[in-house]
Amino acid sequence: MLTLAHFFNVLIPEYTATGAEPVVSAVVMDSREVVPGSLFVAYKGEQVDGHDFVAESFARGAIAALVARPIPGDHATIDFRTGQPLPFPLPFSVVTPVCLVVSDPIAILQASARAWRARFAVQVIGITGSVGKTSTKELTHAVLAQQFDTFKSPGNRNSILGLPMALFGLEPHHQKAVLEMAMYVPGEIATLCEMTQPEIGVVTLVGAVHLERAGSLEAIVAAKRELVEALPAHGVAILNRDDDRVMSMADFSRARVFTYGLDQRADLWADRIESRGLDGIRFVLHYGRDHLHIQAPLIGRHSVHTALRATAVGLALDMSWDSIVRGLQQTAVELRVVSAPGPKQSLIIDDSYNANPESTLAALNLLEDFPGRKVAVLGDMLELGYLEEASHRLVGRRVADVCQELVAVGQRARWIAEEAVKAGLPPHHVALATDADTAVPVIEARIQPQDIILVKGSYGMRMDRIVTMLEHKT
């Protein structure tokens, strides 16, 4: 059970628990997520300083806050900063709510998460890549849960800030943990691996996500490779045989390499893929002499790779085929692509959470599988660096192959529109909008009864607002 004693032990190694320390119900960084018993971590970001929300967190029921400076208010304060003598002998009684003043709250959060994970004999499966991390995590969890008591990192808590908070959900009964690992700059995945100690690592594919920050595709490859490099010799590196950048990581692994893909040279591969739109996919799975016909409630042909990754983890853990297939067929897997009713009896394919070239092309491939007239509502893809224009134009060429209408939202999406017209989409079937709010009337004027409408763009474009507004017009 997580108590304040755990954090005191990190701050003062010689601290001895009294048994009276209060239980910590959650570790959060957003005051809106505070529940009674929470520990609030004050993070100073570029736009928001968490120290401004300590009082609100205490009002919501937080029992402690990790802060970098004393906060005025009607609460206890203990200063653990270097050079500050403790104003009390050990052990000490705890009065809550309390501010724990430290030199670096994030460093203490990470050290506390590392120490918490180290308490358990759980086997960790780490998942990274430019796209497909969350869907792979969810499906892998569904597979492993058929035979093991399995933990997964919740939601999108996959970053250098989010994953440490997620780790406090680990409990002694967990046998496996499936953890999603994201990076914004090189070195972050190495830090996450040092914290979580993965034995199995899965790499999805490498694309131009966060290229603006990383600087080059080579830097992104090196950053994602940190997971493969961190695996122990008795571990397994599960790599995408269809992505040369991912396969370049094989030489950097001490662990056994296991490959998956559509390439028959892979250890695990698939063919005879049939997408049935929202009704799922069918394919044949090949592994050695085994050939299995699979039907799964996954959306789009690209989801075959998700199924292959989850299957590969199951095989690495010597799971039975019955358990693996049963996991692949779970309908409760949380995927980001959902459908919603739209105006004029249209169907909205809501993939608005985020976008990059690879995931947008995959979404267009999914759209192509649907019968009827197709409309793409595509927003800017952000943080693509020097590949920004080329990536948007690549998407534009695919739009011309698949769609009858295009609404491009944002300044960068104009490149999508320009290229779609060059590739043959009639100009009068292409429209521009500056943002999500102005896009809605443009879309309404262009859709026809029973159209299939794909909505996708980077999170900063708030394309989810388009979906919400269109739903309200049904």
Protein backbone atom coordinates (compact mmCIF):
# COMPACT_ATOMS: atom_id res chain seq x y z
CA MET A 1 0.00 0.00 0.00
CA LEU A 2 1.39 3.41 -0.99
CA THR A 3 1.79 5.77 1.95
CA LEU A 4 3.69 8.99 2.59
CA ALA A 5 6.38 6.83 4.22
CA HIS A 6 7.46 5.73 0.72
CA PHE A 7 8.24 9.32 -0.28
CA PHE A 8 9.92 10.07 3.06
CA ASN A 9 12.18 7.05 2.48
CA VAL A 10 13.22 8.49 -0.90
CA LEU A 11 13.88 11.91 0.64
CA ILE A 12 15.53 10.56 3.82
CA PRO A 13 16.96 7.04 3.31
CA GLU A 14 17.35 6.57 7.06
CA TYR A 15 13.69 7.30 7.72
CA THR A 16 11.85 4.53 9.55
CA ALA A 17 8.12 4.26 9.00
CA THR A 18 6.00 4.66 12.11
CA GLY A 19 2.97 2.92 10.60
CA ALA A 20 0.90 6.07 11.13
CA GLU A 21 1.69 7.64 7.75
CA PRO A 22 -1.45 8.32 5.70
CA VAL A 23 -2.27 6.31 2.58
CA VAL A 24 -1.68 8.02 -0.77
CA SER A 25 -4.65 7.28 -3.02
CA ALA A 26 -3.21 8.81 -6.22
CA VAL A 27 -0.24 10.79 -7.50
CA VAL A 28 -1.32 13.61 -9.81
CA MET A 29 0.05 16.68 -11.53
CA ASP A 30 -3.29 18.25 -12.49
CA SER A 31 -5.31 19.72 -9.61
CA ARG A 32 -8.50 18.75 -11.44
CA GLU A 33 -7.54 15.08 -11.02
CA VAL A 34 -7.12 15.33 -7.26
CA VAL A 35 -9.20 12.92 -5.20
CA PRO A 36 -9.15 12.68 -1.40
CA GLY A 37 -5.80 11.28 -0.31
CA SER A 38 -3.83 12.41 -3.38
CA LEU A 39 -0.25 13.57 -3.51
CA PHE A 40 0.00 16.60 -5.82
CA VAL A 41 3.23 17.24 -7.75
CA ALA A 42 3.78 20.91 -8.59
CA TYR A 43 5.32 21.03 -12.06
CA LYS A 44 6.39 24.36 -13.52
CA GLY A 45 5.77 24.24 -17.24
CA GLU A 46 6.17 26.82 -19.98
CA GLN A 47 2.66 28.20 -19.54
CA VAL A 48 1.37 26.88 -16.21
CA ASP A 49 3.03 26.72 -12.79
CA GLY A 50 1.64 23.94 -10.63
CA HIS A 51 2.62 25.85 -7.49
CA ASP A 52 -0.32 28.16 -8.20
CA PHE A 53 -2.69 25.21 -7.70
CA VAL A 54 -1.43 23.78 -4.43
CA ALA A 55 -4.16 25.47 -2.38
CA GLU A 56 -6.83 24.18 -4.79
CA SER A 57 -5.38 20.66 -4.53
CA PHE A 58 -5.55 20.76 -0.74
CA ALA A 59 -9.13 22.05 -0.94
CA ARG A 60 -10.00 19.04 -3.11
CA GLY A 61 -8.56 16.63 -0.56
CA ALA A 62 -4.86 16.23 -1.36
CA ILE A 63 -2.86 15.25 1.73
CA ALA A 64 0.56 16.33 0.44
CA ALA A 65 2.25 18.32 -2.31
CA LEU A 66 5.75 18.04 -3.73
CA VAL A 67 6.86 21.63 -4.30
CA ALA A 68 10.06 23.49 -5.17
CA ARG A 69 9.40 26.43 -2.85
CA PRO A 70 7.40 27.08 0.33
CA ILE A 71 3.74 27.87 -0.33
CA PRO A 72 1.92 30.27 2.01
CA GLY A 73 -1.24 28.87 3.55
CA ASP A 74 -2.85 27.00 6.40
CA HIS A 75 -0.91 23.76 6.04
CA ALA A 76 2.23 22.10 7.38
CA THR A 77 5.56 22.47 5.56
CA ILE A 78 8.63 20.24 5.65
CA ASP A 79 11.73 21.52 3.86
CA PHE A 80 13.93 18.74 2.46
CA ARG A 81 16.16 20.91 0.28
CA THR A 82 19.89 20.35 0.35
CA GLY A 83 21.56 22.27 3.15
CA GLN A 84 18.32 22.73 5.08
CA PRO A 85 18.50 20.88 8.41
CA LEU A 86 15.35 18.99 9.33
CA PRO A 87 13.56 20.86 12.11
CA PHE A 88 12.75 17.63 13.95
CA PRO A 89 14.29 14.31 14.99
CA LEU A 90 13.53 11.00 13.28
CA PRO A 91 10.98 9.47 13.23
CA PHE A 92 8.47 12.31 13.10
CA SER A 93 4.70 12.51 13.16
CA VAL A 94 2.96 13.70 10.01
CA VAL A 95 0.41 16.48 9.97
CA THR A 96 -1.59 16.81 6.76
CA PRO A 97 -2.05 18.52 4.45
CA VAL A 98 1.67 19.08 4.10
CA CYS A 99 3.97 20.69 1.54
CA LEU A 100 7.16 18.71 0.98
CA VAL A 101 9.68 21.26 -0.25
CA VAL A 102 12.39 19.69 -2.45
CA SER A 103 14.97 20.99 -4.89
CA ASP A 104 13.34 19.28 -7.89
CA PRO A 105 9.79 17.85 -7.54
CA ILE A 106 10.01 15.98 -10.86
CA ALA A 107 13.29 14.31 -9.92
CA ILE A 108 11.76 13.19 -6.63
CA LEU A 109 8.65 11.95 -8.44
CA GLN A 110 10.81 9.87 -10.78
CA ALA A 111 13.00 8.53 -7.96
CA SER A 112 9.89 7.60 -5.97
CA ALA A 113 8.36 5.83 -8.98
CA ARG A 114 11.62 3.95 -9.58
CA ALA A 115 11.71 2.82 -5.96
CA TRP A 116 8.05 1.76 -6.07
CA ARG A 117 8.52 -0.31 -9.23
CA ALA A 118 11.60 -1.96 -7.67
CA ARG A 119 9.44 -3.37 -4.88
CA PHE A 120 7.69 -5.78 -7.26
CA ALA A 121 8.78 -8.83 -9.25
CA VAL A 122 6.51 -7.80 -12.12
CA GLN A 123 7.76 -8.43 -15.69
CA VAL A 124 7.58 -5.23 -17.75
CA ILE A 125 6.75 -4.98 -21.45
CA GLY A 126 7.71 -1.58 -22.89
CA ILE A 127 6.15 -0.24 -26.09
CA THR A 128 7.45 2.67 -28.14
CA GLY A 129 7.30 3.99 -31.70
CA SER A 130 6.00 6.98 -33.61
CA VAL A 131 2.45 5.66 -34.01
CA GLY A 132 0.38 2.78 -32.69
CA LYS A 133 1.70 2.76 -29.12
CA THR A 134 -1.62 3.09 -27.35
CA SER A 135 -3.55 0.60 -29.49
CA THR A 136 -0.65 -1.86 -29.13
CA LYS A 137 -0.62 -1.38 -25.36
CA GLU A 138 -4.36 -1.94 -25.11
CA LEU A 139 -4.40 -5.06 -27.29
CA THR A 140 -1.28 -6.50 -25.66
CA HIS A 141 -2.91 -6.03 -22.27
CA ALA A 142 -6.05 -7.79 -23.55
CA VAL A 143 -3.93 -10.73 -24.72
CA LEU A 144 -1.80 -11.05 -21.58
CA ALA A 145 -4.82 -10.70 -19.29
CA GLN A 146 -6.03 -14.07 -20.58
CA GLN A 147 -3.29 -15.82 -18.59
CA PHE A 148 -1.68 -13.25 -16.30
CA ASP A 149 -2.70 -10.61 -13.76
CA THR A 150 -1.68 -7.70 -15.95
CA PHE A 151 -1.24 -3.98 -15.29
CA LYS A 152 -1.24 -1.33 -18.03
CA SER A 153 -0.32 2.34 -17.96
CA PRO A 154 -3.63 4.23 -18.03
CA GLY A 155 -4.69 6.55 -20.84
CA ASN A 156 -1.79 8.37 -22.43
CA ARG A 157 0.45 8.43 -19.35
CA ASN A 158 3.51 7.53 -21.38
CA SER A 159 5.87 10.47 -20.95
CA ILE A 160 8.74 11.37 -18.67
CA LEU A 161 6.09 13.01 -16.48
CA GLY A 162 3.09 10.75 -16.98
CA LEU A 163 4.61 7.27 -16.73
CA PRO A 164 6.11 7.81 -13.24
CA MET A 165 2.64 8.70 -11.95
CA ALA A 166 1.19 5.62 -13.64
CA LEU A 167 3.69 3.30 -11.94
CA PHE A 168 2.15 3.95 -8.54
CA GLY A 169 -0.78 1.84 -9.73
CA LEU A 170 1.42 -1.27 -9.55
CA GLU A 171 0.41 -3.72 -6.80
CA PRO A 172 2.00 -6.92 -5.48
CA HIS A 173 -0.47 -9.18 -7.30
CA HIS A 174 0.52 -7.93 -10.77
CA GLN A 175 2.53 -10.45 -12.79
CA LYS A 176 3.00 -8.42 -16.00
CA ALA A 177 2.97 -4.68 -16.76
CA VAL A 178 2.42 -3.24 -20.23
CA LEU A 179 3.83 0.27 -20.36
CA GLU A 180 3.67 2.78 -23.20
CA MET A 181 6.80 4.93 -23.62
CA ALA A 182 6.88 8.22 -25.52
CA MET A 183 9.67 10.69 -26.13
CA TYR A 184 9.90 14.37 -27.00
CA VAL A 185 13.68 14.64 -26.87
CA PRO A 186 16.46 12.03 -26.92
CA GLY A 187 17.31 10.42 -23.59
CA GLU A 188 13.77 10.27 -22.23
CA ILE A 189 13.09 6.64 -23.12
CA ALA A 190 16.42 5.65 -21.58
CA THR A 191 15.28 7.36 -18.37
CA LEU A 192 11.93 5.55 -18.50
CA CYS A 193 13.69 2.21 -19.03
CA GLU A 194 16.02 2.81 -16.10
CA MET A 195 12.91 3.51 -14.04
CA THR A 196 10.79 0.56 -15.23
CA GLN A 197 13.35 -2.17 -16.11
CA PRO A 198 11.58 -3.70 -19.15
CA GLU A 199 12.44 -7.25 -20.23
CA ILE A 200 10.41 -7.20 -23.44
CA GLY A 201 10.45 -4.21 -25.80
CA VAL A 202 8.12 -3.58 -28.74
CA VAL A 203 8.86 -0.99 -31.43
CA THR A 204 5.97 -0.10 -33.75
CA LEU A 205 7.43 2.11 -36.50
CA VAL A 206 9.49 5.26 -36.82
CA GLY A 207 8.11 8.39 -38.45
CA ALA A 208 8.43 12.15 -38.33
CA VAL A 209 6.57 12.66 -35.04
CA HIS A 210 8.23 15.40 -32.94
CA LEU A 211 10.80 15.88 -35.70
CA GLU A 212 10.82 19.60 -34.89
CA ARG A 213 12.20 18.86 -31.43
CA ALA A 214 14.37 15.85 -32.23
CA GLY A 215 16.02 17.54 -35.21
CA SER A 216 16.25 14.60 -37.61
CA LEU A 217 14.79 11.19 -38.36
CA GLU A 218 18.12 9.68 -37.37
CA ALA A 219 17.76 11.28 -33.93
CA ILE A 220 14.24 9.84 -33.60
CA VAL A 221 15.53 6.36 -34.51
CA ALA A 222 18.28 6.69 -31.89
CA ALA A 223 15.78 7.89 -29.28
CA LYS A 224 13.33 5.03 -29.91
CA ARG A 225 16.26 2.60 -29.98
CA GLU A 226 16.92 3.39 -26.32
CA LEU A 227 14.24 0.83 -25.41
CA VAL A 228 15.99 -1.89 -27.43
CA GLU A 229 19.36 -0.99 -25.95
CA ALA A 230 18.01 -1.16 -22.40
CA LEU A 231 16.72 -4.74 -22.66
CA PRO A 232 18.65 -7.43 -20.76
CA ALA A 233 20.32 -10.35 -22.51
CA HIS A 234 17.49 -12.68 -21.42
CA GLY A 235 14.88 -10.26 -22.84
CA VAL A 236 13.15 -10.02 -26.22
CA ALA A 237 13.20 -7.12 -28.70
CA ILE A 238 10.07 -7.27 -30.89
CA LEU A 239 10.77 -5.33 -34.10
CA ASN A 240 8.74 -4.35 -37.17
CA ARG A 241 10.19 -6.24 -40.16
CA ASP A 242 8.33 -3.89 -42.53
CA ASP A 243 10.18 -0.77 -41.29
CA ASP A 244 13.86 -0.52 -42.19
CA ARG A 245 14.44 2.13 -39.52
CA VAL A 246 13.09 -0.18 -36.84
CA MET A 247 15.07 -3.14 -38.17
CA SER A 248 18.26 -1.06 -37.94
CA MET A 249 17.87 -1.34 -34.16
CA ALA A 250 18.46 -5.10 -34.16
CA ASP A 251 22.25 -4.77 -34.03
CA PHE A 252 21.99 -2.67 -30.85
CA SER A 253 20.14 -5.26 -28.79
CA ARG A 254 21.63 -7.67 -26.27
CA ALA A 255 18.22 -9.33 -26.19
CA ARG A 256 16.86 -11.91 -28.60
CA VAL A 257 15.30 -10.24 -31.65
CA PHE A 258 11.82 -11.33 -32.75
CA THR A 259 10.37 -9.80 -35.93
CA TYR A 260 6.81 -9.30 -37.12
CA GLY A 261 5.17 -7.82 -40.22
CA LEU A 262 3.69 -8.56 -43.61
CA ASP A 263 7.07 -9.66 -44.92
CA GLN A 264 7.30 -13.46 -45.09
CA ARG A 265 10.85 -13.24 -43.77
CA ALA A 266 9.48 -12.12 -40.40
CA ASP A 267 9.23 -14.58 -37.53
CA LEU A 268 5.52 -13.78 -37.29
CA TRP A 269 3.68 -12.55 -40.37
CA ALA A 270 0.22 -12.10 -41.82
CA ASP A 271 -1.43 -12.18 -45.22
CA ARG A 272 -4.89 -12.46 -46.81
CA ILE A 273 -5.93 -9.30 -45.00
CA GLU A 274 -9.55 -8.24 -45.34
CA SER A 275 -10.86 -5.03 -43.79
CA ARG A 276 -14.56 -4.98 -43.06
CA GLY A 277 -14.77 -1.34 -41.95
CA LEU A 278 -16.23 -0.95 -38.49
CA ASP A 279 -16.95 -4.67 -38.40
CA GLY A 280 -13.27 -5.48 -37.94
CA ILE A 281 -10.58 -7.31 -39.89
CA ARG A 282 -9.75 -10.82 -41.03
CA PHE A 283 -6.30 -12.20 -41.80
CA VAL A 284 -4.18 -15.32 -41.68
CA LEU A 285 -1.43 -15.47 -39.08
CA HIS A 286 1.76 -17.43 -39.80
CA TYR A 287 4.30 -18.57 -37.21
CA GLY A 288 6.57 -21.44 -38.10
CA ARG A 289 4.28 -24.29 -39.16
CA ASP A 290 1.24 -22.71 -37.52
CA HIS A 291 -1.36 -20.96 -39.69
CA LEU A 292 -4.35 -19.38 -37.95
CA HIS A 293 -7.37 -17.66 -39.49
CA ILE A 294 -8.09 -14.64 -37.30
CA GLN A 295 -11.13 -12.39 -37.09
CA ALA A 296 -10.70 -9.43 -34.73
CA PRO A 297 -12.76 -6.31 -33.88
CA LEU A 298 -9.95 -3.98 -34.97
CA ILE A 299 -10.47 -1.10 -37.36
CA GLY A 300 -8.46 -0.79 -40.57
CA ARG A 301 -5.84 -2.85 -42.37
CA HIS A 302 -3.07 -1.16 -40.41
CA SER A 303 -4.50 -2.81 -37.27
CA VAL A 304 -3.00 -6.10 -38.46
CA HIS A 305 0.35 -4.79 -37.24
CA THR A 306 -1.23 -4.07 -33.85
CA ALA A 307 -2.48 -7.66 -33.70
CA LEU A 308 0.95 -8.97 -34.71
CA ARG A 309 2.66 -7.01 -31.93
CA ALA A 310 0.29 -8.26 -29.26
CA THR A 311 0.64 -11.81 -30.58
CA ALA A 312 4.43 -11.53 -30.58
CA VAL A 313 4.42 -10.54 -26.90
CA GLY A 314 2.16 -13.48 -26.13
CA LEU A 315 4.49 -15.86 -27.96
CA ALA A 316 7.51 -14.40 -26.17
CA LEU A 317 5.78 -15.28 -22.90
CA ASP A 318 4.95 -18.82 -24.08
CA MET A 319 1.22 -18.22 -24.06
CA SER A 320 -1.12 -20.70 -25.68
CA TRP A 321 -2.70 -19.95 -29.04
CA ASP A 322 -6.14 -20.24 -27.44
CA SER A 323 -5.32 -17.46 -24.98
CA ILE A 324 -3.70 -15.24 -27.63
CA VAL A 325 -6.63 -15.53 -30.04
CA ARG A 326 -9.13 -14.96 -27.26
CA GLY A 327 -7.29 -11.75 -26.34
CA LEU A 328 -7.21 -10.54 -29.95
CA GLN A 329 -10.96 -10.90 -30.10
CA GLN A 330 -11.67 -8.72 -27.08
CA THR A 331 -14.16 -5.98 -27.99
CA ALA A 332 -13.38 -3.89 -24.93
CA VAL A 333 -9.99 -2.74 -26.26
CA GLU A 334 -9.87 1.05 -26.06
CA LEU A 335 -8.94 2.40 -29.47
CA ARG A 336 -8.93 6.03 -30.51
CA VAL A 337 -10.76 5.60 -33.80
CA VAL A 338 -14.48 5.65 -33.13
CA SER A 339 -17.57 6.25 -35.22
CA ALA A 340 -20.33 8.76 -34.57
CA PRO A 341 -23.54 9.77 -36.35
CA GLY A 342 -23.31 12.93 -38.45
CA PRO A 343 -25.75 15.24 -40.25
CA LYS A 344 -27.86 13.88 -43.14
CA GLN A 345 -27.42 10.30 -41.90
CA SER A 346 -23.69 10.50 -42.50
CA LEU A 347 -21.12 8.50 -40.54
CA ILE A 348 -18.20 10.29 -38.86
CA ILE A 349 -14.93 8.39 -38.43
CA ASP A 350 -13.48 10.22 -35.44
CA ASP A 351 -9.68 9.94 -35.45
CA SER A 352 -9.24 13.44 -34.11
CA TYR A 353 -6.91 12.70 -31.19
CA ASN A 354 -3.70 13.36 -33.09
CA ALA A 355 -2.07 13.10 -36.51
CA ASN A 356 1.19 12.49 -38.31
CA PRO A 357 1.87 11.33 -41.88
CA GLU A 358 1.83 7.61 -41.08
CA SER A 359 -1.34 7.62 -39.00
CA THR A 360 -3.15 9.91 -41.46
CA LEU A 361 -2.33 7.65 -44.39
CA ALA A 362 -3.55 4.69 -42.33
CA ALA A 363 -6.79 6.54 -41.61
CA LEU A 364 -7.27 7.25 -45.31
CA ASN A 365 -6.69 3.57 -46.03
CA LEU A 366 -9.43 2.77 -43.53
CA LEU A 367 -11.73 5.32 -45.17
CA GLU A 368 -11.13 3.65 -48.53
CA ASP A 369 -12.55 0.39 -47.13
CA PHE A 370 -15.99 1.95 -46.68
CA PRO A 371 -18.59 1.89 -49.45
CA GLY A 372 -20.09 5.16 -50.60
CA ARG A 373 -19.01 8.78 -50.91
CA LYS A 374 -16.03 9.80 -48.78
CA VAL A 375 -15.16 13.18 -47.23
CA ALA A 376 -11.81 13.94 -45.59
CA VAL A 377 -11.65 16.73 -43.00
CA LEU A 378 -7.94 17.06 -42.30
CA GLY A 379 -6.18 19.54 -40.04
CA ASP A 380 -2.56 20.59 -39.73
CA MET A 381 -0.01 17.95 -38.71
CA LEU A 382 2.30 19.69 -36.24
CA GLU A 383 5.94 19.28 -35.17
CA LEU A 384 7.13 17.76 -38.45
CA GLY A 385 10.18 20.01 -38.83
CA TYR A 386 11.85 20.06 -42.22
CA LEU A 387 9.47 17.35 -43.52
CA GLU A 388 6.43 19.52 -42.83
CA GLU A 389 5.50 20.50 -46.39
CA ALA A 390 6.48 17.21 -47.99
CA SER A 391 4.43 15.24 -45.46
CA HIS A 392 1.28 17.29 -46.00
CA ARG A 393 1.66 16.98 -49.77
CA LEU A 394 2.09 13.20 -49.47
CA VAL A 395 -1.24 13.05 -47.64
CA GLY A 396 -2.82 15.24 -50.31
CA ARG A 397 -1.93 12.77 -53.05
CA ARG A 398 -3.56 9.95 -51.10
CA VAL A 399 -6.68 12.05 -50.50
CA ALA A 400 -7.11 12.37 -54.26
CA ASP A 401 -7.09 8.57 -54.57
CA VAL A 402 -9.65 7.96 -51.84
CA CYS A 403 -12.00 10.91 -51.39
CA GLN A 404 -14.66 12.81 -53.26
CA GLU A 405 -14.48 15.86 -50.96
CA LEU A 406 -11.73 17.50 -48.91
CA VAL A 407 -11.97 20.18 -46.23
CA ALA A 408 -8.48 21.29 -45.21
CA VAL A 409 -8.28 22.97 -41.80
CA GLY A 410 -5.36 25.23 -40.92
CA GLN A 411 -2.42 26.91 -42.59
CA ARG A 412 -0.34 23.77 -43.22
CA ALA A 413 -3.34 21.78 -44.45
CA ARG A 414 -3.39 24.08 -47.48
CA TRP A 415 -0.53 21.95 -48.79
CA ILE A 416 -2.82 18.92 -48.55
CA ALA A 417 -5.43 20.77 -50.59
CA GLU A 418 -2.96 21.98 -53.21
CA GLU A 419 -1.49 18.53 -53.73
CA ALA A 420 -4.90 16.84 -53.83
CA VAL A 421 -5.92 19.16 -56.68
CA LYS A 422 -2.65 18.48 -58.50
CA ALA A 423 -3.31 14.75 -58.14
CA GLY A 424 -6.74 15.03 -59.75
CA LEU A 425 -9.32 15.99 -57.12
CA PRO A 426 -11.53 18.67 -58.78
CA PRO A 427 -10.91 22.14 -57.26
CA HIS A 428 -14.62 22.67 -56.60
CA HIS A 429 -14.52 19.59 -54.34
CA VAL A 430 -11.82 21.14 -52.13
CA ALA A 431 -12.44 23.74 -49.42
CA LEU A 432 -10.26 25.55 -46.89
CA ALA A 433 -10.98 26.59 -43.31
CA THR A 434 -8.81 28.44 -40.83
CA ASP A 435 -9.82 26.48 -37.72
CA ALA A 436 -12.24 23.90 -36.32
CA ASP A 437 -15.05 26.39 -35.66
CA THR A 438 -15.06 27.85 -39.17
CA ALA A 439 -14.78 24.39 -40.71
CA VAL A 440 -18.16 23.14 -39.51
CA PRO A 441 -20.41 25.24 -41.79
CA VAL A 442 -18.09 24.46 -44.71
CA ILE A 443 -18.46 20.73 -44.04
CA GLU A 444 -22.24 21.00 -43.63
CA ALA A 445 -22.55 22.69 -47.01
CA ARG A 446 -20.63 19.91 -48.76
CA ILE A 447 -21.77 16.64 -47.26
CA GLN A 448 -24.47 14.53 -48.83
CA PRO A 449 -26.76 11.89 -47.29
CA GLN A 450 -24.89 8.81 -46.01
CA ASP A 451 -21.42 10.23 -46.61
CA ILE A 452 -18.48 8.74 -44.70
CA ILE A 453 -16.55 11.61 -43.05
CA LEU A 454 -13.02 11.20 -41.71
CA VAL A 455 -11.93 13.84 -39.18
CA LYS A 456 -8.24 13.92 -38.28
CA GLY A 457 -5.56 16.42 -37.30
CA SER A 458 -2.97 17.16 -34.64
CA TYR A 459 -4.29 17.63 -31.12
CA GLY A 460 -3.43 21.34 -31.19
CA MET A 461 -5.93 21.83 -34.02
CA ARG A 462 -8.80 20.67 -31.75
CA MET A 463 -10.44 18.64 -34.51
CA ASP A 464 -12.51 16.95 -31.81
CA ARG A 465 -14.59 20.15 -31.72
CA ILE A 466 -15.64 19.46 -35.30
CA VAL A 467 -16.89 15.99 -34.34
CA THR A 468 -18.81 17.37 -31.36
CA MET A 469 -20.46 20.14 -33.37
CA LEU A 470 -21.39 17.84 -36.24
CA GLU A 471 -22.88 15.31 -33.82
CA HIS A 472 -25.11 18.00 -32.37
CA LYS A 473 -26.52 18.71 -35.80
CA THR A 474 -27.90 15.21 -36.36
